[in-house]
Structures are given as structure tokens and as C-alpha cells.
Amino acid sequence: MLKPFSKSGAAFVVLAAIGVVSAGACEDAGGSNETSAPSPTPAEAFCRAHFSAACERLFRCDPDAAALIPQAATAAACAQAHHERVCDRLSADIAAGAVRVDLTGADACNDDLATASCGTAAEEVRRFLEAGKLDACPDVLGGDRAKGASCTAAWHCREPSSNCVAVASGAGECTGALSGDAFEIACSATSAGAGACPGLVCLGLNANQQGKSGLCTARCQSQADCGDGGVCVALTDGNICFSMCTSDADCGGGFVCVDEVYQPGPQIEGDGRACLVTLPSAE
């Protein structure tokens, strides 16, 4: 069974390694171990400006959502956390071929992110989470790893709204594009892991009127993990992406629009309906 690749865990390992190196670096006979920080590369400078703009926007447009960010009581603290988690490792990711860069439109993209009019709470949360995966300025920075390729972070993956998930071996693997349509494909739960849902997971279903044994889906930690038209729903064994709908016509693959699949809210789009199956009728 797939589970979300732990971005925070990867960041902890990187930061811990930096701390070990820094603690013993450049200490001379006089006892001084001060070193000057290297100047950021152009890509790192863009990344820092990008997260500063994203955090400032979230705190301006949706302070209630901003209050939920761990250890980020201010826009500056929010930006610093992302600088350490993403920007400080960006040059290595570019050198490894995991991230492509074209700074032609960098300033324009950051300016738009910082100054565009505020949207709804759900739109602002999605925009912020996209920024966290480097999806907000896809023409400037973006993943260069195809579906099924190895990865250690979501921003390594090429397709829009894709994610990096851990497979059975514990290694990270890029999913394909994640959107509502991706979660309307039938699969056989017995063939999960054998190509039933490339880059995703096959969710086994109980007996139902539609005769479906499984649904392709993805584990998620936030709305952004499910892409446009998708919703992250909390189940007993973890969070799963479903495709939002308003009628059966919105659902593909023989699935139907089911009421009360999730609880809508100010930061969750839709009205609670999603593409799924209906239980057998009682006779």
C-alpha cells in the first residue's frame, strides 16, 4: 500500500546533516569556527522571493488558514521554514536533474503571486500549497522526473499537481498528474502494485450496485495533493483523494455521484459529493 512520502522527514534529515557539518566546520587553532554563508544562486534567490511572496499573500488573504501552519506565526517565519525545506537544497536538485529552471519570467510570476487580488479561502489555500510544491510558477521552476521515476520530494515530479509517494520498498516514486479525473478509474484491488493504477493506489471497494472492485486514488495530506477537482477525504486508515461532482454526468468509469462523502468547509471546495459507488439495495 502506498503512503505519502514524508517531505518533513526528508527535510529533517537534510537539516540534521547540515547541522552536523556546520558544528565542526572551519575551526582553526584560535577556536574560531565562523564561516560566511555562500551567496544564493539565481534559482535559490528566486525560490526565496517566491516563498516570501506566497507566505505574505496567505497571511494577507486568509489569516485563519495561515494560523494553522506549524511553527510559522508570522509571514517571515513561514517563508524561512520553506527556505530551509526547499530553497537551500535547490542547487543540488537542479544538478541532479530533478528540477528544471528557466528564470525568464521569474520576477513577473512572483509579482503576480504577491499582488493579485485575493480569492476564496479554498482558492488561497490551494494556491499556497501549490507554491509549496513549486507548482505556482511552473514555467520558472518545475520537476523533471517523469511518472514512475524516483524522487524524494513533490517538486521533483514533472506532471502538473503530481506528487512523490513512497512505494513498498520505501523509495519515492513520482505519480502522474493528479486531478479529479484521475480518481474516476476502476481497478482490481487484487492487482494493485502490478500496473492497475500507475503511480497511484487501488482502493478496494465493498460489494456495490456498480459492480466495481476498486477505485484508483492517491494518499493525501492536503487538498493540493489531489489536484483540481479532487478532494482529500479522511478515512479510518488514512486520507484518500476522491473526485468531486455535482451529478452522475460528472463521473467517469461507471462511477456515480454520491452524497456526503466529505464535509465541505470554508477551505474545502464542493458540496460534499464525490464519484464513488452505491451500496446494494436492501431487499
C-alpha atoms as a PDB file:
ATOM      1  CA  MET A   1       0.000   0.000   0.000  1.00  0.00           C
ATOM      2  CA  LEU A   2       1.278   3.427  -0.877  1.00  0.00           C
ATOM      3  CA  LYS A   3       1.651   6.195   1.640  1.00  0.00           C
ATOM      4  CA  PRO A   4       2.632   9.857   1.231  1.00  0.00           C
ATOM      5  CA  PHE A   5       6.362  10.392   1.028  1.00  0.00           C
ATOM      6  CA  SER A   6       7.332  12.317   4.168  1.00  0.00           C
ATOM      7  CA  LYS A   7       8.550  15.698   2.972  1.00  0.00           C
ATOM      8  CA  SER A   8       9.080  16.862   6.537  1.00  0.00           C
ATOM      9  CA  GLY A   9      11.114  13.724   7.272  1.00  0.00           C
ATOM     10  CA  ALA A  10      13.341  14.339   4.246  1.00  0.00           C
ATOM     11  CA  ALA A  11      13.797  17.953   5.289  1.00  0.00           C
ATOM     12  CA  PHE A  12      14.743  16.856   8.813  1.00  0.00           C
ATOM     13  CA  VAL A  13      17.455  14.550   7.501  1.00  0.00           C
ATOM     14  CA  VAL A  14      18.879  17.305   5.276  1.00  0.00           C
ATOM     15  CA  LEU A  15      18.837  19.886   8.053  1.00  0.00           C
ATOM     16  CA  ALA A  16      20.328  17.458  10.543  1.00  0.00           C
ATOM     17  CA  ALA A  17      23.178  16.687   8.149  1.00  0.00           C
ATOM     18  CA  ILE A  18      23.824  20.404   7.647  1.00  0.00           C
ATOM     19  CA  GLY A  19      23.902  20.865  11.394  1.00  0.00           C
ATOM     20  CA  VAL A  20      26.489  18.109  11.847  1.00  0.00           C
ATOM     21  CA  VAL A  21      28.767  19.569   9.181  1.00  0.00           C
ATOM     22  CA  SER A  22      28.401  23.142  10.411  1.00  0.00           C
ATOM     23  CA  ALA A  23      29.128  22.252  14.009  1.00  0.00           C
ATOM     24  CA  GLY A  24      32.661  21.145  13.239  1.00  0.00           C
ATOM     25  CA  ALA A  25      33.478  23.224  10.187  1.00  0.00           C
ATOM     26  CA  CYS A  26      36.481  25.509   9.775  1.00  0.00           C
ATOM     27  CA  GLU A  27      37.549  25.619  13.393  1.00  0.00           C
ATOM     28  CA  ASP A  28      41.131  26.940  13.425  1.00  0.00           C
ATOM     29  CA  ALA A  29      43.780  26.982  16.154  1.00  0.00           C
ATOM     30  CA  GLY A  30      42.287  30.177  17.526  1.00  0.00           C
ATOM     31  CA  GLY A  31      38.994  28.447  18.156  1.00  0.00           C
ATOM     32  CA  SER A  32      37.023  30.423  15.579  1.00  0.00           C
ATOM     33  CA  ASN A  33      34.519  28.448  13.540  1.00  0.00           C
ATOM     34  CA  GLU A  34      32.735  31.315  11.820  1.00  0.00           C
ATOM     35  CA  THR A  35      32.078  30.946   8.107  1.00  0.00           C
ATOM     36  CA  SER A  36      30.301  33.237   5.716  1.00  0.00           C
ATOM     37  CA  ALA A  37      27.221  31.827   4.036  1.00  0.00           C
ATOM     38  CA  PRO A  38      27.632  31.374   0.280  1.00  0.00           C
ATOM     39  CA  SER A  39      25.659  33.723  -1.913  1.00  0.00           C
ATOM     40  CA  PRO A  40      22.454  32.117  -3.215  1.00  0.00           C
ATOM     41  CA  THR A  41      22.364  31.050  -6.837  1.00  0.00           C
ATOM     42  CA  PRO A  42      19.831  32.856  -9.084  1.00  0.00           C
ATOM     43  CA  ALA A  43      17.484  29.884  -8.758  1.00  0.00           C
ATOM     44  CA  GLU A  44      17.775  29.921  -4.968  1.00  0.00           C
ATOM     45  CA  ALA A  45      17.180  33.692  -4.922  1.00  0.00           C
ATOM     46  CA  PHE A  46      14.005  33.220  -6.970  1.00  0.00           C
ATOM     47  CA  CYS A  47      12.901  30.403  -4.657  1.00  0.00           C
ATOM     48  CA  ARG A  48      13.354  32.611  -1.576  1.00  0.00           C
ATOM     49  CA  ALA A  49      11.442  35.501  -3.142  1.00  0.00           C
ATOM     50  CA  HIS A  50       8.773  33.025  -4.257  1.00  0.00           C
ATOM     51  CA  PHE A  51       8.071  31.700  -0.775  1.00  0.00           C
ATOM     52  CA  SER A  52       8.247  35.164   0.772  1.00  0.00           C
ATOM     53  CA  ALA A  53       5.533  36.257  -1.669  1.00  0.00           C
ATOM     54  CA  ALA A  54       3.447  33.110  -1.088  1.00  0.00           C
ATOM     55  CA  CYS A  55       3.568  33.413   2.706  1.00  0.00           C
ATOM     56  CA  GLU A  56       2.861  37.141   2.701  1.00  0.00           C
ATOM     57  CA  ARG A  57      -0.121  36.527   0.421  1.00  0.00           C
ATOM     58  CA  LEU A  58      -1.567  33.770   2.601  1.00  0.00           C
ATOM     59  CA  PHE A  59      -1.275  35.871   5.754  1.00  0.00           C
ATOM     60  CA  ARG A  60      -2.884  38.793   3.928  1.00  0.00           C
ATOM     61  CA  CYS A  61      -5.694  36.906   2.185  1.00  0.00           C
ATOM     62  CA  ASP A  62      -6.541  34.109   4.638  1.00  0.00           C
ATOM     63  CA  PRO A  63      -5.126  34.688   8.145  1.00  0.00           C
ATOM     64  CA  ASP A  64      -7.295  31.869   9.555  1.00  0.00           C
ATOM     65  CA  ALA A  65      -5.542  29.334   7.310  1.00  0.00           C
ATOM     66  CA  ALA A  66      -2.153  30.914   7.984  1.00  0.00           C
ATOM     67  CA  ALA A  67      -2.673  30.299  11.688  1.00  0.00           C
ATOM     68  CA  LEU A  68      -2.684  26.537  11.004  1.00  0.00           C
ATOM     69  CA  ILE A  69       0.874  26.462   9.629  1.00  0.00           C
ATOM     70  CA  PRO A  70       3.110  24.754  12.222  1.00  0.00           C
ATOM     71  CA  GLN A  71       5.840  26.925  13.714  1.00  0.00           C
ATOM     72  CA  ALA A  72       5.008  29.852  11.430  1.00  0.00           C
ATOM     73  CA  ALA A  73       3.308  32.520  13.499  1.00  0.00           C
ATOM     74  CA  THR A  74       4.294  35.226  11.014  1.00  0.00           C
ATOM     75  CA  ALA A  75       4.749  35.500   7.258  1.00  0.00           C
ATOM     76  CA  ALA A  76       8.504  35.850   7.805  1.00  0.00           C
ATOM     77  CA  ALA A  77       8.660  32.632   9.866  1.00  0.00           C
ATOM     78  CA  CYS A  78       6.568  30.842   7.235  1.00  0.00           C
ATOM     79  CA  ALA A  79       8.950  31.947   4.481  1.00  0.00           C
ATOM     80  CA  GLN A  80      12.038  30.962   6.475  1.00  0.00           C
ATOM     81  CA  ALA A  81      10.672  27.457   7.049  1.00  0.00           C
ATOM     82  CA  HIS A  82      10.186  26.996   3.307  1.00  0.00           C
ATOM     83  CA  HIS A  83      13.599  28.494   2.525  1.00  0.00           C
ATOM     84  CA  GLU A  84      15.192  25.795   4.684  1.00  0.00           C
ATOM     85  CA  ARG A  85      12.963  22.987   3.412  1.00  0.00           C
ATOM     86  CA  VAL A  86      13.160  23.741  -0.312  1.00  0.00           C
ATOM     87  CA  CYS A  87      15.448  26.591  -1.381  1.00  0.00           C
ATOM     88  CA  ASP A  88      18.567  25.525   0.490  1.00  0.00           C
ATOM     89  CA  ARG A  89      18.645  22.222  -1.413  1.00  0.00           C
ATOM     90  CA  LEU A  90      17.563  23.573  -4.790  1.00  0.00           C
ATOM     91  CA  SER A  91      21.009  23.753  -6.443  1.00  0.00           C
ATOM     92  CA  ALA A  92      21.664  20.092  -5.637  1.00  0.00           C
ATOM     93  CA  ASP A  93      18.254  19.137  -7.033  1.00  0.00           C
ATOM     94  CA  ILE A  94      18.951  21.067 -10.260  1.00  0.00           C
ATOM     95  CA  ALA A  95      22.401  19.485 -10.601  1.00  0.00           C
ATOM     96  CA  ALA A  96      20.878  16.039 -10.111  1.00  0.00           C
ATOM     97  CA  GLY A  97      18.400  16.670 -12.927  1.00  0.00           C
ATOM     98  CA  ALA A  98      15.399  16.574 -10.601  1.00  0.00           C
ATOM     99  CA  VAL A  99      14.383  20.208 -11.193  1.00  0.00           C
ATOM    100  CA  ARG A 100      14.463  22.284 -14.382  1.00  0.00           C
ATOM    101  CA  VAL A 101      14.824  26.061 -14.276  1.00  0.00           C
ATOM    102  CA  ASP A 102      14.102  28.977 -16.641  1.00  0.00           C
ATOM    103  CA  LEU A 103      14.269  32.335 -14.883  1.00  0.00           C
ATOM    104  CA  THR A 104      12.916  34.349 -17.827  1.00  0.00           C
ATOM    105  CA  GLY A 105       9.569  35.047 -16.148  1.00  0.00           C
ATOM    106  CA  ALA A 106      10.690  34.784 -12.530  1.00  0.00           C
ATOM    107  CA  ASP A 107      10.033  38.369 -11.416  1.00  0.00           C
ATOM    108  CA  ALA A 108       6.667  38.569 -13.189  1.00  0.00           C
ATOM    109  CA  CYS A 109       5.459  35.338 -11.592  1.00  0.00           C
ATOM    110  CA  ASN A 110       6.463  36.404  -8.090  1.00  0.00           C
ATOM    111  CA  ASP A 111       4.917  39.847  -8.601  1.00  0.00           C
ATOM    112  CA  ASP A 112       1.629  38.244  -9.658  1.00  0.00           C
ATOM    113  CA  LEU A 113       1.705  35.876  -6.690  1.00  0.00           C
ATOM    114  CA  ALA A 114       2.258  38.773  -4.295  1.00  0.00           C
ATOM    115  CA  THR A 115      -0.166  41.349  -5.694  1.00  0.00           C
ATOM    116  CA  ALA A 116      -3.089  39.544  -7.387  1.00  0.00           C
ATOM    117  CA  SER A 117      -6.486  40.041  -5.776  1.00  0.00           C
ATOM    118  CA  CYS A 118      -7.427  37.603  -3.033  1.00  0.00           C
ATOM    119  CA  GLY A 119      -9.706  34.709  -3.949  1.00  0.00           C
ATOM    120  CA  THR A 120     -11.882  32.499  -1.787  1.00  0.00           C
ATOM    121  CA  ALA A 121     -10.413  30.761   1.250  1.00  0.00           C
ATOM    122  CA  ALA A 122     -10.264  27.459  -0.660  1.00  0.00           C
ATOM    123  CA  GLU A 123      -8.543  29.127  -3.621  1.00  0.00           C
ATOM    124  CA  GLU A 124      -5.955  30.773  -1.397  1.00  0.00           C
ATOM    125  CA  VAL A 125      -5.129  27.548   0.430  1.00  0.00           C
ATOM    126  CA  ARG A 126      -4.741  25.729  -2.899  1.00  0.00           C
ATOM    127  CA  ARG A 127      -2.517  28.494  -4.264  1.00  0.00           C
ATOM    128  CA  PHE A 128      -0.299  28.369  -1.175  1.00  0.00           C
ATOM    129  CA  LEU A 129       0.016  24.578  -1.248  1.00  0.00           C
ATOM    130  CA  GLU A 130       0.850  24.694  -4.960  1.00  0.00           C
ATOM    131  CA  ALA A 131       3.606  27.180  -4.153  1.00  0.00           C
ATOM    132  CA  GLY A 132       4.952  24.728  -1.582  1.00  0.00           C
ATOM    133  CA  LYS A 133       5.369  22.111  -4.347  1.00  0.00           C
ATOM    134  CA  LEU A 134       6.866  24.680  -6.793  1.00  0.00           C
ATOM    135  CA  ASP A 135       3.707  24.373  -8.934  1.00  0.00           C
ATOM    136  CA  ALA A 136       2.719  28.058  -8.720  1.00  0.00           C
ATOM    137  CA  CYS A 137       5.331  29.173 -11.292  1.00  0.00           C
ATOM    138  CA  PRO A 138       5.674  26.073 -13.499  1.00  0.00           C
ATOM    139  CA  ASP A 139       7.420  27.945 -16.325  1.00  0.00           C
ATOM    140  CA  VAL A 140      10.211  29.040 -13.961  1.00  0.00           C
ATOM    141  CA  LEU A 141      10.878  26.040 -11.731  1.00  0.00           C
ATOM    142  CA  GLY A 142       9.423  22.591 -12.108  1.00  0.00           C
ATOM    143  CA  GLY A 143      10.130  18.948 -11.619  1.00  0.00           C
ATOM    144  CA  ASP A 144      11.874  16.999 -14.381  1.00  0.00           C
ATOM    145  CA  ARG A 145      11.115  13.460 -13.237  1.00  0.00           C
ATOM    146  CA  ALA A 146       8.507  11.517 -15.219  1.00  0.00           C
ATOM    147  CA  LYS A 147       5.737   9.391 -13.753  1.00  0.00           C
ATOM    148  CA  GLY A 148       7.255   6.347 -12.083  1.00  0.00           C
ATOM    149  CA  ALA A 149      10.712   7.920 -11.713  1.00  0.00           C
ATOM    150  CA  SER A 150      12.468   8.088  -8.356  1.00  0.00           C
ATOM    151  CA  CYS A 151      12.059  11.202  -6.217  1.00  0.00           C
ATOM    152  CA  THR A 152      12.441  12.496  -2.678  1.00  0.00           C
ATOM    153  CA  ALA A 153      10.077  15.500  -2.887  1.00  0.00           C
ATOM    154  CA  ALA A 154       6.936  16.503  -4.777  1.00  0.00           C
ATOM    155  CA  TRP A 155       8.757  19.310  -6.608  1.00  0.00           C
ATOM    156  CA  HIS A 156      10.888  16.718  -8.420  1.00  0.00           C
ATOM    157  CA  CYS A 157       7.865  15.403 -10.353  1.00  0.00           C
ATOM    158  CA  ARG A 158       7.119  16.714 -13.840  1.00  0.00           C
ATOM    159  CA  GLU A 159       3.380  16.401 -14.342  1.00  0.00           C
ATOM    160  CA  PRO A 160       1.020  19.106 -13.003  1.00  0.00           C
ATOM    161  CA  SER A 161      -0.245  18.517  -9.463  1.00  0.00           C
ATOM    162  CA  SER A 162       1.764  15.298  -9.250  1.00  0.00           C
ATOM    163  CA  ASN A 163       3.233  14.038  -6.001  1.00  0.00           C
ATOM    164  CA  CYS A 164       6.081  11.914  -4.661  1.00  0.00           C
ATOM    165  CA  VAL A 165       4.829   8.811  -2.874  1.00  0.00           C
ATOM    166  CA  ALA A 166       6.650   6.004  -1.088  1.00  0.00           C
ATOM    167  CA  VAL A 167       6.299   2.564  -2.659  1.00  0.00           C
ATOM    168  CA  ALA A 168       6.695  -0.781  -0.923  1.00  0.00           C
ATOM    169  CA  SER A 169      10.492  -0.561  -0.973  1.00  0.00           C
ATOM    170  CA  GLY A 170      10.341   2.775   0.862  1.00  0.00           C
ATOM    171  CA  ALA A 171      11.762   4.676  -2.112  1.00  0.00           C
ATOM    172  CA  GLY A 172       9.924   7.698  -3.521  1.00  0.00           C
ATOM    173  CA  GLU A 173       8.148   7.479  -6.879  1.00  0.00           C
ATOM    174  CA  CYS A 174       6.508  10.245  -8.940  1.00  0.00           C
ATOM    175  CA  THR A 175       2.802   9.918  -9.617  1.00  0.00           C
ATOM    176  CA  GLY A 176       1.189  11.116 -12.817  1.00  0.00           C
ATOM    177  CA  ALA A 177      -0.940  14.252 -12.963  1.00  0.00           C
ATOM    178  CA  LEU A 178      -3.343  14.298 -10.048  1.00  0.00           C
ATOM    179  CA  SER A 179      -6.791  15.782 -10.683  1.00  0.00           C
ATOM    180  CA  GLY A 180     -10.370  14.749 -10.213  1.00  0.00           C
ATOM    181  CA  ASP A 181     -10.350  12.743 -13.450  1.00  0.00           C
ATOM    182  CA  ALA A 182      -7.517  10.573 -12.152  1.00  0.00           C
ATOM    183  CA  PHE A 183      -9.816   9.275  -9.398  1.00  0.00           C
ATOM    184  CA  GLU A 184     -12.591   8.022 -11.697  1.00  0.00           C
ATOM    185  CA  ILE A 185     -10.811   4.917 -12.995  1.00  0.00           C
ATOM    186  CA  ALA A 186     -11.839   1.396 -11.995  1.00  0.00           C
ATOM    187  CA  CYS A 187      -9.194  -1.123 -10.953  1.00  0.00           C
ATOM    188  CA  SER A 188      -8.904  -4.551  -9.429  1.00  0.00           C
ATOM    189  CA  ALA A 189      -7.724  -4.431  -5.831  1.00  0.00           C
ATOM    190  CA  THR A 190      -6.036  -7.820  -6.304  1.00  0.00           C
ATOM    191  CA  SER A 191      -3.733  -6.334  -8.972  1.00  0.00           C
ATOM    192  CA  ALA A 192      -2.675  -3.238  -7.033  1.00  0.00           C
ATOM    193  CA  GLY A 193       1.024  -2.660  -7.489  1.00  0.00           C
ATOM    194  CA  ALA A 194       1.010  -4.505 -10.820  1.00  0.00           C
ATOM    195  CA  GLY A 195       0.069  -1.597 -13.013  1.00  0.00           C
ATOM    196  CA  ALA A 196      -3.587  -1.325 -12.005  1.00  0.00           C
ATOM    197  CA  CYS A 197      -3.163   2.388 -11.216  1.00  0.00           C
ATOM    198  CA  PRO A 198       0.246   3.651 -12.408  1.00  0.00           C
ATOM    199  CA  GLY A 199       1.685   5.972  -9.801  1.00  0.00           C
ATOM    200  CA  LEU A 200      -1.432   5.683  -7.660  1.00  0.00           C
ATOM    201  CA  VAL A 201      -3.067   3.071  -5.436  1.00  0.00           C
ATOM    202  CA  CYS A 202      -6.098   0.851  -5.988  1.00  0.00           C
ATOM    203  CA  LEU A 203      -8.639   1.337  -3.207  1.00  0.00           C
ATOM    204  CA  GLY A 204     -10.609  -1.876  -2.638  1.00  0.00           C
ATOM    205  CA  LEU A 205     -14.402  -1.451  -2.572  1.00  0.00           C
ATOM    206  CA  ASN A 206     -17.117  -3.470  -0.855  1.00  0.00           C
ATOM    207  CA  ALA A 207     -19.955  -5.021  -2.848  1.00  0.00           C
ATOM    208  CA  ASN A 208     -21.817  -2.291  -4.701  1.00  0.00           C
ATOM    209  CA  GLN A 209     -24.502  -1.670  -7.303  1.00  0.00           C
ATOM    210  CA  GLN A 210     -21.943  -0.616  -9.909  1.00  0.00           C
ATOM    211  CA  GLY A 211     -20.022  -3.896  -9.666  1.00  0.00           C
ATOM    212  CA  LYS A 212     -16.679  -2.161  -9.053  1.00  0.00           C
ATOM    213  CA  SER A 213     -13.973  -3.934  -7.059  1.00  0.00           C
ATOM    214  CA  GLY A 214     -11.589  -0.974  -6.800  1.00  0.00           C
ATOM    215  CA  LEU A 215     -11.041   2.734  -7.476  1.00  0.00           C
ATOM    216  CA  CYS A 216      -7.749   4.365  -8.478  1.00  0.00           C
ATOM    217  CA  THR A 217      -6.852   7.022  -5.944  1.00  0.00           C
ATOM    218  CA  ALA A 218      -3.948   8.525  -4.006  1.00  0.00           C
ATOM    219  CA  ARG A 219      -2.985   9.062  -0.406  1.00  0.00           C
ATOM    220  CA  CYS A 220      -3.070  12.735   0.504  1.00  0.00           C
ATOM    221  CA  GLN A 221      -2.077  15.144   3.230  1.00  0.00           C
ATOM    222  CA  SER A 222      -3.812  18.239   1.851  1.00  0.00           C
ATOM    223  CA  GLN A 223      -6.197  19.407  -0.862  1.00  0.00           C
ATOM    224  CA  ALA A 224      -3.272  20.277  -3.156  1.00  0.00           C
ATOM    225  CA  ASP A 225      -2.235  16.606  -3.234  1.00  0.00           C
ATOM    226  CA  CYS A 226      -5.454  15.776  -5.115  1.00  0.00           C
ATOM    227  CA  GLY A 227      -5.215  18.499  -7.791  1.00  0.00           C
ATOM    228  CA  ASP A 228      -8.035  20.435  -9.458  1.00  0.00           C
ATOM    229  CA  GLY A 229     -11.397  18.752  -8.998  1.00  0.00           C
ATOM    230  CA  GLY A 230     -10.079  16.433  -6.298  1.00  0.00           C
ATOM    231  CA  VAL A 231     -10.771  16.448  -2.578  1.00  0.00           C
ATOM    232  CA  CYS A 232      -8.748  14.931   0.272  1.00  0.00           C
ATOM    233  CA  VAL A 233     -11.087  12.868   2.470  1.00  0.00           C
ATOM    234  CA  ALA A 234     -10.200  11.488   5.914  1.00  0.00           C
ATOM    235  CA  LEU A 235     -10.955   7.762   6.228  1.00  0.00           C
ATOM    236  CA  THR A 236     -10.314   5.420   9.139  1.00  0.00           C
ATOM    237  CA  ASP A 237      -6.983   4.203   7.718  1.00  0.00           C
ATOM    238  CA  GLY A 238      -5.755   7.493   6.269  1.00  0.00           C
ATOM    239  CA  ASN A 239      -6.595  10.284   3.840  1.00  0.00           C
ATOM    240  CA  ILE A 240      -7.685   9.451   0.278  1.00  0.00           C
ATOM    241  CA  CYS A 241      -8.339  11.564  -2.838  1.00  0.00           C
ATOM    242  CA  PHE A 242     -11.766  11.458  -4.477  1.00  0.00           C
ATOM    243  CA  SER A 243     -13.194  13.296  -7.483  1.00  0.00           C
ATOM    244  CA  MET A 244     -15.759  15.984  -6.636  1.00  0.00           C
ATOM    245  CA  CYS A 245     -19.041  16.031  -8.563  1.00  0.00           C
ATOM    246  CA  THR A 246     -22.496  17.577  -8.710  1.00  0.00           C
ATOM    247  CA  SER A 247     -24.235  14.836 -10.735  1.00  0.00           C
ATOM    248  CA  ASP A 248     -23.586  11.383 -12.209  1.00  0.00           C
ATOM    249  CA  ALA A 249     -22.665  13.051 -15.500  1.00  0.00           C
ATOM    250  CA  ASP A 250     -19.507  14.398 -13.822  1.00  0.00           C
ATOM    251  CA  CYS A 251     -18.233  10.893 -13.046  1.00  0.00           C
ATOM    252  CA  GLY A 252     -16.416   8.608 -15.470  1.00  0.00           C
ATOM    253  CA  GLY A 253     -15.541   4.931 -15.378  1.00  0.00           C
ATOM    254  CA  GLY A 254     -19.043   3.833 -14.416  1.00  0.00           C
ATOM    255  CA  PHE A 255     -18.926   5.533 -11.014  1.00  0.00           C
ATOM    256  CA  VAL A 256     -21.784   7.667  -9.662  1.00  0.00           C
ATOM    257  CA  CYS A 257     -22.056  10.922  -7.716  1.00  0.00           C
ATOM    258  CA  VAL A 258     -22.584  10.069  -4.045  1.00  0.00           C
ATOM    259  CA  ASP A 259     -23.794  12.452  -1.318  1.00  0.00           C
ATOM    260  CA  GLU A 260     -21.988  13.161   1.966  1.00  0.00           C
ATOM    261  CA  VAL A 261     -18.637  11.638   1.058  1.00  0.00           C
ATOM    262  CA  TYR A 262     -16.835  14.521   2.796  1.00  0.00           C
ATOM    263  CA  GLN A 263     -17.601  17.550   4.926  1.00  0.00           C
ATOM    264  CA  PRO A 264     -17.299  20.800   2.942  1.00  0.00           C
ATOM    265  CA  GLY A 265     -15.946  23.906   4.640  1.00  0.00           C
ATOM    266  CA  PRO A 266     -14.585  27.407   4.024  1.00  0.00           C
ATOM    267  CA  GLN A 267     -11.265  25.999   2.798  1.00  0.00           C
ATOM    268  CA  ILE A 268     -12.677  22.889   1.085  1.00  0.00           C
ATOM    269  CA  GLU A 269     -14.402  23.269  -2.270  1.00  0.00           C
ATOM    270  CA  GLY A 270     -17.505  21.398  -3.342  1.00  0.00           C
ATOM    271  CA  ASP A 271     -20.687  20.411  -1.530  1.00  0.00           C
ATOM    272  CA  GLY A 272     -19.750  17.023  -0.081  1.00  0.00           C
ATOM    273  CA  ARG A 273     -20.438  14.893  -3.164  1.00  0.00           C
ATOM    274  CA  ALA A 274     -17.829  12.725  -4.897  1.00  0.00           C
ATOM    275  CA  CYS A 275     -17.587   9.983  -7.512  1.00  0.00           C
ATOM    276  CA  LEU A 276     -17.860   6.596  -5.804  1.00  0.00           C
ATOM    277  CA  VAL A 277     -20.285   3.646  -5.665  1.00  0.00           C
ATOM    278  CA  THR A 278     -23.620   2.926  -4.012  1.00  0.00           C
ATOM    279  CA  LEU A 279     -24.284   0.017  -1.702  1.00  0.00           C
ATOM    280  CA  PRO A 280     -26.520  -2.858  -2.832  1.00  0.00           C
ATOM    281  CA  SER A 281     -30.189  -2.079  -2.378  1.00  0.00           C
ATOM    282  CA  ALA A 282     -31.793  -3.767   0.648  1.00  0.00           C
ATOM    283  CA  GLU A 283     -34.490  -6.268  -0.295  1.00  0.00           C
END
